[in-house]
Amino acid sequence: MLFQKTIQAPITIQGIGVHTGTASMIALHPANENTGIVFINAKNHAQRIRVGDVVPEQAMHATVIKSDGWSVSTVEHLMAALWVFGITNVEIIVTGNEIPILDGSALLFCHEIRRTGVVMQGVAARRITPKREIILEDDKGRVLLVQPAIKGLSIAYTADFKNPLAGSGSLNIKLTEEVFEQAIAPARTFGFLEQLPLLRQHNLARGASLGNTLVLGEGLINPVRLEDECVRHKVLDLIGDMALLGVGLVAHVSATKTGHDFNRLLIKHYKEHPADWALVV
C-alpha cells in the first residue's frame, strides 16, 4: 500500500510565465490528508481549483485548468514533479495566472521537493488502472493507449518531428523518481525560431528566451542538455498532463504524436467513464 504524502515545509518559487511574460510566484504549503492538490488564487482565496475535479481546457501550447472564473496556465512541469514524488496533498497559492517557467524544465521543482522533504501521511493514496485496454485516437494519427498493469507506470512515446534537429522521435521508460530526475525532468521546453513571430501575435511565448527554451533554427541556437531532449520533454509534458487525473496511475501508456490538447482526453475519459477504471490496492 502506498500512502498519501505532503511536503515537509512551505516552498516559494518565483519567475516569469513563458506565455504571459509577466512575473509569477507560487507558494506551496503542506496540507492535511485527503486535501488533494489545490491551486489557489492569491488575490481571492475563494477561487480554488482542485486537481482531478476539472478537465484541462483545450490549449495547444500549455496545460490550462479553470474553475470558478479563474484559470492557471502551464501547470504541467510542476504537476509532473509532484506526481512522480507521490505528493497528494498540497495547497499552491498562485500570484498571477501562470506557473513560472524557470529554466523550461521540471528540474528546480524536483530540487525544491528534495530539499524541503516529504511527509508520509496515515491514509492510503488512491491509484487506478484501466480494467481493459483504453484507446484514444483521432484522424491526425494521435494515439493514447492505456493498458492495465499490476504495479508501476511505464511510458512509450513516439513523436513525429519533421525537423531532424529535434532528434530521435521515440523513448521508452519505466517511471521512477530516479529516472524522472535524471532522464526526464531536465528536458526543456523547445520551439522553432520561425514560429516565434506567429506565437507572439497570438499572445504566446512572450516570456520565452534562450534561458528557458531549447530553440531550433537552421541549427541549434543553444546546446541540448540531454540526448533526444525534445522527445524527453514531450514525455515530461505527458506525465504532467496525466497527473491531472488527481490519482496515481498504474499502467502501460503508449503515446503517439500527442500534445497538451490531446493528453487532456485521458482526464476527460476518466471523469466520463469511471466504470472503465479500477482502484489499485
C-alpha atoms as a PDB file:
ATOM      1  CA  MET A   1       0.000   0.000   0.000  1.00  0.00           C
ATOM      2  CA  LEU A   2       1.218   3.496  -0.857  1.00  0.00           C
ATOM      3  CA  PHE A   3       0.327   6.343   1.460  1.00  0.00           C
ATOM      4  CA  GLN A   4      -0.634   9.940   0.849  1.00  0.00           C
ATOM      5  CA  LYS A   5       2.168  12.491   1.117  1.00  0.00           C
ATOM      6  CA  THR A   6       2.654  16.196   1.595  1.00  0.00           C
ATOM      7  CA  ILE A   7       5.709  18.452   1.707  1.00  0.00           C
ATOM      8  CA  GLN A   8       7.671  18.969   4.921  1.00  0.00           C
ATOM      9  CA  ALA A   9       7.635  22.794   4.789  1.00  0.00           C
ATOM     10  CA  PRO A  10       6.481  25.626   2.528  1.00  0.00           C
ATOM     11  CA  ILE A  11       8.205  26.213  -0.806  1.00  0.00           C
ATOM     12  CA  THR A  12       8.227  29.548  -2.625  1.00  0.00           C
ATOM     13  CA  ILE A  13       9.252  29.848  -6.271  1.00  0.00           C
ATOM     14  CA  GLN A  14       9.160  32.920  -8.473  1.00  0.00           C
ATOM     15  CA  GLY A  15       9.945  33.705 -12.078  1.00  0.00           C
ATOM     16  CA  ILE A  16       8.080  34.654 -15.243  1.00  0.00           C
ATOM     17  CA  GLY A  17       5.383  32.975 -17.276  1.00  0.00           C
ATOM     18  CA  VAL A  18       6.633  31.636 -20.593  1.00  0.00           C
ATOM     19  CA  HIS A  19       3.495  32.780 -22.402  1.00  0.00           C
ATOM     20  CA  THR A  20       2.438  35.902 -20.497  1.00  0.00           C
ATOM     21  CA  GLY A  21       5.993  37.156 -19.990  1.00  0.00           C
ATOM     22  CA  THR A  22       4.884  38.614 -16.650  1.00  0.00           C
ATOM     23  CA  ALA A  23       6.145  37.992 -13.126  1.00  0.00           C
ATOM     24  CA  SER A  24       4.681  34.985 -11.363  1.00  0.00           C
ATOM     25  CA  MET A  25       5.090  33.391  -7.949  1.00  0.00           C
ATOM     26  CA  ILE A  26       3.847  30.211  -6.341  1.00  0.00           C
ATOM     27  CA  ALA A  27       3.843  29.272  -2.665  1.00  0.00           C
ATOM     28  CA  LEU A  28       3.370  25.584  -1.877  1.00  0.00           C
ATOM     29  CA  HIS A  29       2.066  24.736   1.597  1.00  0.00           C
ATOM     30  CA  PRO A  30       1.727  21.373   3.379  1.00  0.00           C
ATOM     31  CA  ALA A  31      -1.847  20.096   3.517  1.00  0.00           C
ATOM     32  CA  ASN A  32      -3.797  17.527   5.504  1.00  0.00           C
ATOM     33  CA  GLU A  33      -4.828  14.087   4.308  1.00  0.00           C
ATOM     34  CA  ASN A  34      -7.428  13.986   1.528  1.00  0.00           C
ATOM     35  CA  THR A  35      -6.951  17.683   0.704  1.00  0.00           C
ATOM     36  CA  GLY A  36      -5.633  16.904  -2.740  1.00  0.00           C
ATOM     37  CA  ILE A  37      -3.545  19.253  -4.861  1.00  0.00           C
ATOM     38  CA  VAL A  38      -5.302  22.601  -4.830  1.00  0.00           C
ATOM     39  CA  PHE A  39      -4.371  25.737  -6.777  1.00  0.00           C
ATOM     40  CA  ILE A  40      -5.499  28.951  -5.037  1.00  0.00           C
ATOM     41  CA  ASN A  41      -5.726  32.463  -6.455  1.00  0.00           C
ATOM     42  CA  ALA A  42      -3.503  34.726  -4.337  1.00  0.00           C
ATOM     43  CA  LYS A  43      -5.901  37.644  -4.934  1.00  0.00           C
ATOM     44  CA  ASN A  44      -9.016  35.724  -3.959  1.00  0.00           C
ATOM     45  CA  HIS A  45      -8.541  32.599  -1.863  1.00  0.00           C
ATOM     46  CA  ALA A  46     -12.133  31.596  -2.557  1.00  0.00           C
ATOM     47  CA  GLN A  47     -11.084  30.810  -6.134  1.00  0.00           C
ATOM     48  CA  ARG A  48      -9.650  27.307  -5.912  1.00  0.00           C
ATOM     49  CA  ILE A  49      -9.014  24.576  -8.465  1.00  0.00           C
ATOM     50  CA  ARG A  50      -8.663  21.060  -7.094  1.00  0.00           C
ATOM     51  CA  VAL A  51      -6.727  18.724  -9.342  1.00  0.00           C
ATOM     52  CA  GLY A  52      -8.944  15.877 -10.502  1.00  0.00           C
ATOM     53  CA  ASP A  53     -12.121  17.934 -10.280  1.00  0.00           C
ATOM     54  CA  VAL A  54     -11.747  19.572 -13.698  1.00  0.00           C
ATOM     55  CA  VAL A  55     -10.791  18.571 -17.220  1.00  0.00           C
ATOM     56  CA  PRO A  56      -7.998  20.786 -18.603  1.00  0.00           C
ATOM     57  CA  GLU A  57      -9.027  23.416 -21.117  1.00  0.00           C
ATOM     58  CA  GLN A  58      -8.286  22.987 -24.812  1.00  0.00           C
ATOM     59  CA  ALA A  59      -4.941  24.725 -25.377  1.00  0.00           C
ATOM     60  CA  MET A  60      -2.161  23.964 -27.836  1.00  0.00           C
ATOM     61  CA  HIS A  61       0.951  25.203 -26.086  1.00  0.00           C
ATOM     62  CA  ALA A  62       0.353  24.729 -22.360  1.00  0.00           C
ATOM     63  CA  THR A  63      -1.873  22.935 -19.890  1.00  0.00           C
ATOM     64  CA  VAL A  64      -4.584  25.213 -18.534  1.00  0.00           C
ATOM     65  CA  ILE A  65      -7.055  24.434 -15.747  1.00  0.00           C
ATOM     66  CA  LYS A  66     -10.042  26.596 -14.909  1.00  0.00           C
ATOM     67  CA  SER A  67     -12.769  26.829 -12.273  1.00  0.00           C
ATOM     68  CA  ASP A  68     -14.849  29.478 -10.519  1.00  0.00           C
ATOM     69  CA  GLY A  69     -13.921  32.192 -13.011  1.00  0.00           C
ATOM     70  CA  TRP A  70     -10.170  31.769 -12.542  1.00  0.00           C
ATOM     71  CA  SER A  71      -7.640  29.886 -14.615  1.00  0.00           C
ATOM     72  CA  VAL A  72      -3.992  28.965 -14.195  1.00  0.00           C
ATOM     73  CA  SER A  73      -1.717  28.034 -17.079  1.00  0.00           C
ATOM     74  CA  THR A  74       1.428  25.985 -17.645  1.00  0.00           C
ATOM     75  CA  VAL A  75       0.891  23.701 -14.665  1.00  0.00           C
ATOM     76  CA  GLU A  76       2.386  20.626 -16.364  1.00  0.00           C
ATOM     77  CA  HIS A  77       6.033  20.756 -15.189  1.00  0.00           C
ATOM     78  CA  LEU A  78       5.097  21.386 -11.564  1.00  0.00           C
ATOM     79  CA  MET A  79       2.380  18.720 -11.684  1.00  0.00           C
ATOM     80  CA  ALA A  80       4.789  16.164 -13.142  1.00  0.00           C
ATOM     81  CA  ALA A  81       7.233  16.657 -10.271  1.00  0.00           C
ATOM     82  CA  LEU A  82       4.526  16.471  -7.594  1.00  0.00           C
ATOM     83  CA  TRP A  83       3.003  13.340  -9.156  1.00  0.00           C
ATOM     84  CA  VAL A  84       6.263  11.439  -9.540  1.00  0.00           C
ATOM     85  CA  PHE A  85       7.256  12.191  -5.942  1.00  0.00           C
ATOM     86  CA  GLY A  86       3.854  10.985  -4.765  1.00  0.00           C
ATOM     87  CA  ILE A  87       2.749  14.342  -3.358  1.00  0.00           C
ATOM     88  CA  THR A  88      -1.008  14.023  -2.997  1.00  0.00           C
ATOM     89  CA  ASN A  89      -1.824  16.892  -0.630  1.00  0.00           C
ATOM     90  CA  VAL A  90      -0.554  20.435  -1.133  1.00  0.00           C
ATOM     91  CA  GLU A  91      -2.030  23.904  -1.449  1.00  0.00           C
ATOM     92  CA  ILE A  92      -0.447  26.069  -4.150  1.00  0.00           C
ATOM     93  CA  ILE A  93      -1.081  29.800  -3.895  1.00  0.00           C
ATOM     94  CA  VAL A  94      -0.527  31.384  -7.296  1.00  0.00           C
ATOM     95  CA  THR A  95       0.265  35.040  -7.847  1.00  0.00           C
ATOM     96  CA  GLY A  96      -0.726  35.649 -11.445  1.00  0.00           C
ATOM     97  CA  ASN A  97      -2.248  33.216 -13.928  1.00  0.00           C
ATOM     98  CA  GLU A  98       0.759  31.152 -14.945  1.00  0.00           C
ATOM     99  CA  ILE A  99       3.246  28.888 -13.187  1.00  0.00           C
ATOM    100  CA  PRO A 100       6.841  30.192 -13.534  1.00  0.00           C
ATOM    101  CA  ILE A 101       8.658  28.580 -16.435  1.00  0.00           C
ATOM    102  CA  LEU A 102      12.056  28.747 -14.662  1.00  0.00           C
ATOM    103  CA  ASP A 103      14.593  27.060 -16.979  1.00  0.00           C
ATOM    104  CA  GLY A 104      11.881  25.406 -19.066  1.00  0.00           C
ATOM    105  CA  SER A 105      12.141  22.059 -17.283  1.00  0.00           C
ATOM    106  CA  ALA A 106      10.918  20.393 -14.080  1.00  0.00           C
ATOM    107  CA  LEU A 107      14.361  20.231 -12.510  1.00  0.00           C
ATOM    108  CA  LEU A 108      14.022  23.051  -9.968  1.00  0.00           C
ATOM    109  CA  PHE A 109      10.667  21.713  -8.790  1.00  0.00           C
ATOM    110  CA  CYS A 110      12.381  18.366  -8.121  1.00  0.00           C
ATOM    111  CA  HIS A 111      15.257  20.037  -6.296  1.00  0.00           C
ATOM    112  CA  GLU A 112      12.893  22.014  -4.081  1.00  0.00           C
ATOM    113  CA  ILE A 113      10.868  18.938  -3.166  1.00  0.00           C
ATOM    114  CA  ARG A 114      14.081  17.062  -2.316  1.00  0.00           C
ATOM    115  CA  ARG A 115      15.413  19.992  -0.299  1.00  0.00           C
ATOM    116  CA  THR A 116      12.216  20.529   1.656  1.00  0.00           C
ATOM    117  CA  GLY A 117      11.426  16.871   2.209  1.00  0.00           C
ATOM    118  CA  VAL A 118       8.291  14.761   2.018  1.00  0.00           C
ATOM    119  CA  VAL A 119       5.989  13.681   4.858  1.00  0.00           C
ATOM    120  CA  MET A 120       4.221  10.323   4.752  1.00  0.00           C
ATOM    121  CA  GLN A 121       0.611  10.586   5.913  1.00  0.00           C
ATOM    122  CA  GLY A 122      -1.599   7.966   7.506  1.00  0.00           C
ATOM    123  CA  VAL A 123      -4.118   7.459   4.716  1.00  0.00           C
ATOM    124  CA  ALA A 124      -3.760   5.256   1.643  1.00  0.00           C
ATOM    125  CA  ALA A 125      -3.185   7.022  -1.663  1.00  0.00           C
ATOM    126  CA  ARG A 126      -5.681   6.348  -4.457  1.00  0.00           C
ATOM    127  CA  ARG A 127      -4.281   4.687  -7.578  1.00  0.00           C
ATOM    128  CA  ILE A 128      -6.123   3.470 -10.634  1.00  0.00           C
ATOM    129  CA  THR A 129      -5.583   1.128 -13.563  1.00  0.00           C
ATOM    130  CA  PRO A 130      -7.842   0.574 -16.578  1.00  0.00           C
ATOM    131  CA  LYS A 131      -9.982  -2.559 -16.385  1.00  0.00           C
ATOM    132  CA  ARG A 132      -9.186  -3.181 -20.043  1.00  0.00           C
ATOM    133  CA  GLU A 133      -7.198  -1.548 -22.813  1.00  0.00           C
ATOM    134  CA  ILE A 134      -8.285   2.045 -23.458  1.00  0.00           C
ATOM    135  CA  ILE A 135      -7.520   3.640 -26.822  1.00  0.00           C
ATOM    136  CA  LEU A 136      -7.944   7.338 -27.558  1.00  0.00           C
ATOM    137  CA  GLU A 137      -7.149   8.336 -31.139  1.00  0.00           C
ATOM    138  CA  ASP A 138      -8.004  10.813 -33.889  1.00  0.00           C
ATOM    139  CA  ASP A 139      -7.647  11.242 -37.645  1.00  0.00           C
ATOM    140  CA  LYS A 140      -4.348  13.124 -37.195  1.00  0.00           C
ATOM    141  CA  GLY A 141      -2.584   9.971 -36.055  1.00  0.00           C
ATOM    142  CA  ARG A 142      -2.538  10.965 -32.395  1.00  0.00           C
ATOM    143  CA  VAL A 143      -2.958   7.994 -30.071  1.00  0.00           C
ATOM    144  CA  LEU A 144      -3.040   7.311 -26.347  1.00  0.00           C
ATOM    145  CA  LEU A 145      -3.133   3.626 -25.497  1.00  0.00           C
ATOM    146  CA  VAL A 146      -3.500   2.812 -21.795  1.00  0.00           C
ATOM    147  CA  GLN A 147      -3.174  -0.828 -20.734  1.00  0.00           C
ATOM    148  CA  PRO A 148      -3.678  -2.407 -17.310  1.00  0.00           C
ATOM    149  CA  ALA A 149      -0.666  -3.171 -15.120  1.00  0.00           C
ATOM    150  CA  ILE A 150      -0.114  -4.768 -11.733  1.00  0.00           C
ATOM    151  CA  LYS A 151       2.336  -2.152 -10.493  1.00  0.00           C
ATOM    152  CA  GLY A 152       4.245   0.871 -11.699  1.00  0.00           C
ATOM    153  CA  LEU A 153       3.903   3.126 -14.724  1.00  0.00           C
ATOM    154  CA  SER A 154       5.753   2.637 -17.995  1.00  0.00           C
ATOM    155  CA  ILE A 155       5.623   5.043 -20.926  1.00  0.00           C
ATOM    156  CA  ALA A 156       6.445   4.508 -24.588  1.00  0.00           C
ATOM    157  CA  TYR A 157       6.363   7.758 -26.559  1.00  0.00           C
ATOM    158  CA  THR A 158       6.611   8.164 -30.336  1.00  0.00           C
ATOM    159  CA  ALA A 159       6.868  11.647 -31.798  1.00  0.00           C
ATOM    160  CA  ASP A 160       6.726  12.840 -35.398  1.00  0.00           C
ATOM    161  CA  PHE A 161       9.402  15.513 -35.581  1.00  0.00           C
ATOM    162  CA  LYS A 162       9.669  16.992 -39.072  1.00  0.00           C
ATOM    163  CA  ASN A 163      12.890  18.810 -38.205  1.00  0.00           C
ATOM    164  CA  PRO A 164      15.883  16.447 -37.839  1.00  0.00           C
ATOM    165  CA  LEU A 165      17.388  18.814 -35.263  1.00  0.00           C
ATOM    166  CA  ALA A 166      14.681  17.627 -32.852  1.00  0.00           C
ATOM    167  CA  GLY A 167      16.434  14.271 -32.729  1.00  0.00           C
ATOM    168  CA  SER A 168      15.048  10.792 -32.333  1.00  0.00           C
ATOM    169  CA  GLY A 169      11.307  10.511 -32.053  1.00  0.00           C
ATOM    170  CA  SER A 170      10.853   7.687 -29.554  1.00  0.00           C
ATOM    171  CA  LEU A 171      11.539   6.908 -25.917  1.00  0.00           C
ATOM    172  CA  ASN A 172      10.620   4.072 -23.539  1.00  0.00           C
ATOM    173  CA  ILE A 173      10.897   4.403 -19.769  1.00  0.00           C
ATOM    174  CA  LYS A 174       9.822   2.734 -16.556  1.00  0.00           C
ATOM    175  CA  LEU A 175       8.906   5.731 -14.442  1.00  0.00           C
ATOM    176  CA  THR A 176      10.598   6.106 -11.053  1.00  0.00           C
ATOM    177  CA  GLU A 177      11.757   9.143  -9.089  1.00  0.00           C
ATOM    178  CA  GLU A 178      15.347   8.485 -10.158  1.00  0.00           C
ATOM    179  CA  VAL A 179      14.531   8.013 -13.845  1.00  0.00           C
ATOM    180  CA  PHE A 180      12.392  11.133 -13.804  1.00  0.00           C
ATOM    181  CA  GLU A 181      15.034  13.317 -12.134  1.00  0.00           C
ATOM    182  CA  GLN A 182      17.884  12.135 -14.313  1.00  0.00           C
ATOM    183  CA  ALA A 183      16.314  11.477 -17.703  1.00  0.00           C
ATOM    184  CA  ILE A 184      13.068  13.464 -17.955  1.00  0.00           C
ATOM    185  CA  ALA A 185      12.935  16.431 -15.560  1.00  0.00           C
ATOM    186  CA  PRO A 186      15.963  18.268 -17.074  1.00  0.00           C
ATOM    187  CA  ALA A 187      14.430  18.301 -20.584  1.00  0.00           C
ATOM    188  CA  ARG A 188      13.440  21.846 -21.531  1.00  0.00           C
ATOM    189  CA  THR A 189      10.585  23.342 -23.456  1.00  0.00           C
ATOM    190  CA  PHE A 190      11.604  23.555 -27.101  1.00  0.00           C
ATOM    191  CA  GLY A 191      10.473  25.645 -30.036  1.00  0.00           C
ATOM    192  CA  PHE A 192      11.281  26.605 -33.589  1.00  0.00           C
ATOM    193  CA  LEU A 193      12.636  30.065 -34.266  1.00  0.00           C
ATOM    194  CA  GLU A 194      10.497  30.634 -37.373  1.00  0.00           C
ATOM    195  CA  GLN A 195       7.311  30.079 -35.336  1.00  0.00           C
ATOM    196  CA  LEU A 196       8.082  32.747 -32.744  1.00  0.00           C
ATOM    197  CA  PRO A 197       6.503  35.764 -34.540  1.00  0.00           C
ATOM    198  CA  LEU A 198       3.234  33.887 -35.064  1.00  0.00           C
ATOM    199  CA  LEU A 199       3.143  32.708 -31.441  1.00  0.00           C
ATOM    200  CA  ARG A 200       3.654  36.250 -30.169  1.00  0.00           C
ATOM    201  CA  GLN A 201       0.905  37.547 -32.450  1.00  0.00           C
ATOM    202  CA  HIS A 202      -1.373  35.213 -30.502  1.00  0.00           C
ATOM    203  CA  ASN A 203      -0.006  36.436 -27.133  1.00  0.00           C
ATOM    204  CA  LEU A 204       2.035  33.274 -26.622  1.00  0.00           C
ATOM    205  CA  ALA A 205       5.749  32.753 -25.850  1.00  0.00           C
ATOM    206  CA  ARG A 206       6.128  36.347 -24.632  1.00  0.00           C
ATOM    207  CA  GLY A 207       8.388  35.117 -21.855  1.00  0.00           C
ATOM    208  CA  ALA A 208      10.342  32.624 -23.979  1.00  0.00           C
ATOM    209  CA  SER A 209      14.110  33.083 -24.078  1.00  0.00           C
ATOM    210  CA  LEU A 210      17.299  31.115 -24.534  1.00  0.00           C
ATOM    211  CA  GLY A 211      17.310  30.764 -20.746  1.00  0.00           C
ATOM    212  CA  ASN A 212      14.119  28.714 -20.685  1.00  0.00           C
ATOM    213  CA  THR A 213      13.678  27.276 -24.182  1.00  0.00           C
ATOM    214  CA  LEU A 214      15.689  24.985 -26.431  1.00  0.00           C
ATOM    215  CA  VAL A 215      15.496  26.872 -29.726  1.00  0.00           C
ATOM    216  CA  LEU A 216      15.825  25.224 -33.121  1.00  0.00           C
ATOM    217  CA  GLY A 217      16.512  27.326 -36.209  1.00  0.00           C
ATOM    218  CA  GLU A 218      18.698  26.455 -39.162  1.00  0.00           C
ATOM    219  CA  GLY A 219      20.796  24.839 -36.457  1.00  0.00           C
ATOM    220  CA  LEU A 220      20.595  24.553 -32.687  1.00  0.00           C
ATOM    221  CA  ILE A 221      20.556  28.113 -31.330  1.00  0.00           C
ATOM    222  CA  ASN A 222      21.523  26.865 -27.869  1.00  0.00           C
ATOM    223  CA  PRO A 223      23.032  23.475 -26.992  1.00  0.00           C
ATOM    224  CA  VAL A 224      20.993  20.464 -25.924  1.00  0.00           C
ATOM    225  CA  ARG A 225      21.090  19.374 -22.306  1.00  0.00           C
ATOM    226  CA  LEU A 226      20.214  15.711 -22.936  1.00  0.00           C
ATOM    227  CA  GLU A 227      20.303  13.360 -25.882  1.00  0.00           C
ATOM    228  CA  ASP A 228      16.861  13.371 -27.520  1.00  0.00           C
ATOM    229  CA  GLU A 229      15.882  16.301 -25.312  1.00  0.00           C
ATOM    230  CA  CYS A 230      12.825  17.159 -27.405  1.00  0.00           C
ATOM    231  CA  VAL A 231      11.138  13.775 -27.097  1.00  0.00           C
ATOM    232  CA  ARG A 232      12.065  13.658 -23.407  1.00  0.00           C
ATOM    233  CA  HIS A 233      10.269  16.959 -22.950  1.00  0.00           C
ATOM    234  CA  LYS A 234       7.210  15.539 -24.707  1.00  0.00           C
ATOM    235  CA  VAL A 235       7.259  12.741 -22.117  1.00  0.00           C
ATOM    236  CA  LEU A 236       7.604  15.311 -19.326  1.00  0.00           C
ATOM    237  CA  ASP A 237       4.550  17.133 -20.632  1.00  0.00           C
ATOM    238  CA  LEU A 238       2.606  13.879 -20.895  1.00  0.00           C
ATOM    239  CA  ILE A 239       3.439  12.985 -17.279  1.00  0.00           C
ATOM    240  CA  GLY A 240       2.348  16.425 -16.093  1.00  0.00           C
ATOM    241  CA  ASP A 241      -0.884  16.204 -18.051  1.00  0.00           C
ATOM    242  CA  MET A 242      -1.685  12.700 -16.746  1.00  0.00           C
ATOM    243  CA  ALA A 243      -1.077  13.989 -13.219  1.00  0.00           C
ATOM    244  CA  LEU A 244      -4.281  15.993 -13.608  1.00  0.00           C
ATOM    245  CA  LEU A 245      -6.152  12.733 -13.108  1.00  0.00           C
ATOM    246  CA  GLY A 246      -5.758  13.597  -9.437  1.00  0.00           C
ATOM    247  CA  VAL A 247      -4.861   9.984  -8.587  1.00  0.00           C
ATOM    248  CA  GLY A 248      -1.896   7.717  -9.199  1.00  0.00           C
ATOM    249  CA  LEU A 249      -1.797   5.680 -12.402  1.00  0.00           C
ATOM    250  CA  VAL A 250      -0.671   2.061 -12.664  1.00  0.00           C
ATOM    251  CA  ALA A 251      -0.480   1.260 -16.362  1.00  0.00           C
ATOM    252  CA  HIS A 252       1.470   0.817 -19.558  1.00  0.00           C
ATOM    253  CA  VAL A 253       0.976   4.014 -21.569  1.00  0.00           C
ATOM    254  CA  SER A 254       1.836   4.266 -25.252  1.00  0.00           C
ATOM    255  CA  ALA A 255       1.528   7.719 -26.805  1.00  0.00           C
ATOM    256  CA  THR A 256       1.973   8.793 -30.404  1.00  0.00           C
ATOM    257  CA  LYS A 257       2.254  12.430 -31.521  1.00  0.00           C
ATOM    258  CA  THR A 258       0.294  13.715 -28.526  1.00  0.00           C
ATOM    259  CA  GLY A 259       0.361  17.198 -27.053  1.00  0.00           C
ATOM    260  CA  HIS A 260      -1.479  19.058 -24.325  1.00  0.00           C
ATOM    261  CA  ASP A 261      -4.742  19.400 -26.251  1.00  0.00           C
ATOM    262  CA  PHE A 262      -4.851  15.629 -26.829  1.00  0.00           C
ATOM    263  CA  ASN A 263      -3.463  14.453 -23.478  1.00  0.00           C
ATOM    264  CA  ARG A 264      -6.425  16.125 -21.773  1.00  0.00           C
ATOM    265  CA  LEU A 265      -8.701  13.496 -23.277  1.00  0.00           C
ATOM    266  CA  LEU A 266      -7.392  10.940 -20.780  1.00  0.00           C
ATOM    267  CA  ILE A 267      -8.699  13.018 -17.862  1.00  0.00           C
ATOM    268  CA  LYS A 268     -11.953  13.544 -19.755  1.00  0.00           C
ATOM    269  CA  HIS A 269     -12.325   9.793 -20.280  1.00  0.00           C
ATOM    270  CA  TYR A 270     -11.654   9.023 -16.617  1.00  0.00           C
ATOM    271  CA  LYS A 271     -14.283  11.518 -15.472  1.00  0.00           C
ATOM    272  CA  GLU A 272     -16.879  10.415 -18.016  1.00  0.00           C
ATOM    273  CA  HIS A 273     -16.292   6.654 -17.784  1.00  0.00           C
ATOM    274  CA  PRO A 274     -15.319   5.837 -14.178  1.00  0.00           C
ATOM    275  CA  ALA A 275     -16.623   2.290 -14.570  1.00  0.00           C
ATOM    276  CA  ASP A 276     -13.758   1.588 -17.010  1.00  0.00           C
ATOM    277  CA  TRP A 277     -11.223   2.063 -14.217  1.00  0.00           C
ATOM    278  CA  ALA A 278     -10.381   0.034 -11.118  1.00  0.00           C
ATOM    279  CA  LEU A 279      -8.766   1.052  -7.859  1.00  0.00           C
ATOM    280  CA  VAL A 280      -5.368  -0.492  -7.173  1.00  0.00           C
ATOM    281  CA  VAL A 281      -4.882  -1.687  -3.592  1.00  0.00           C
END
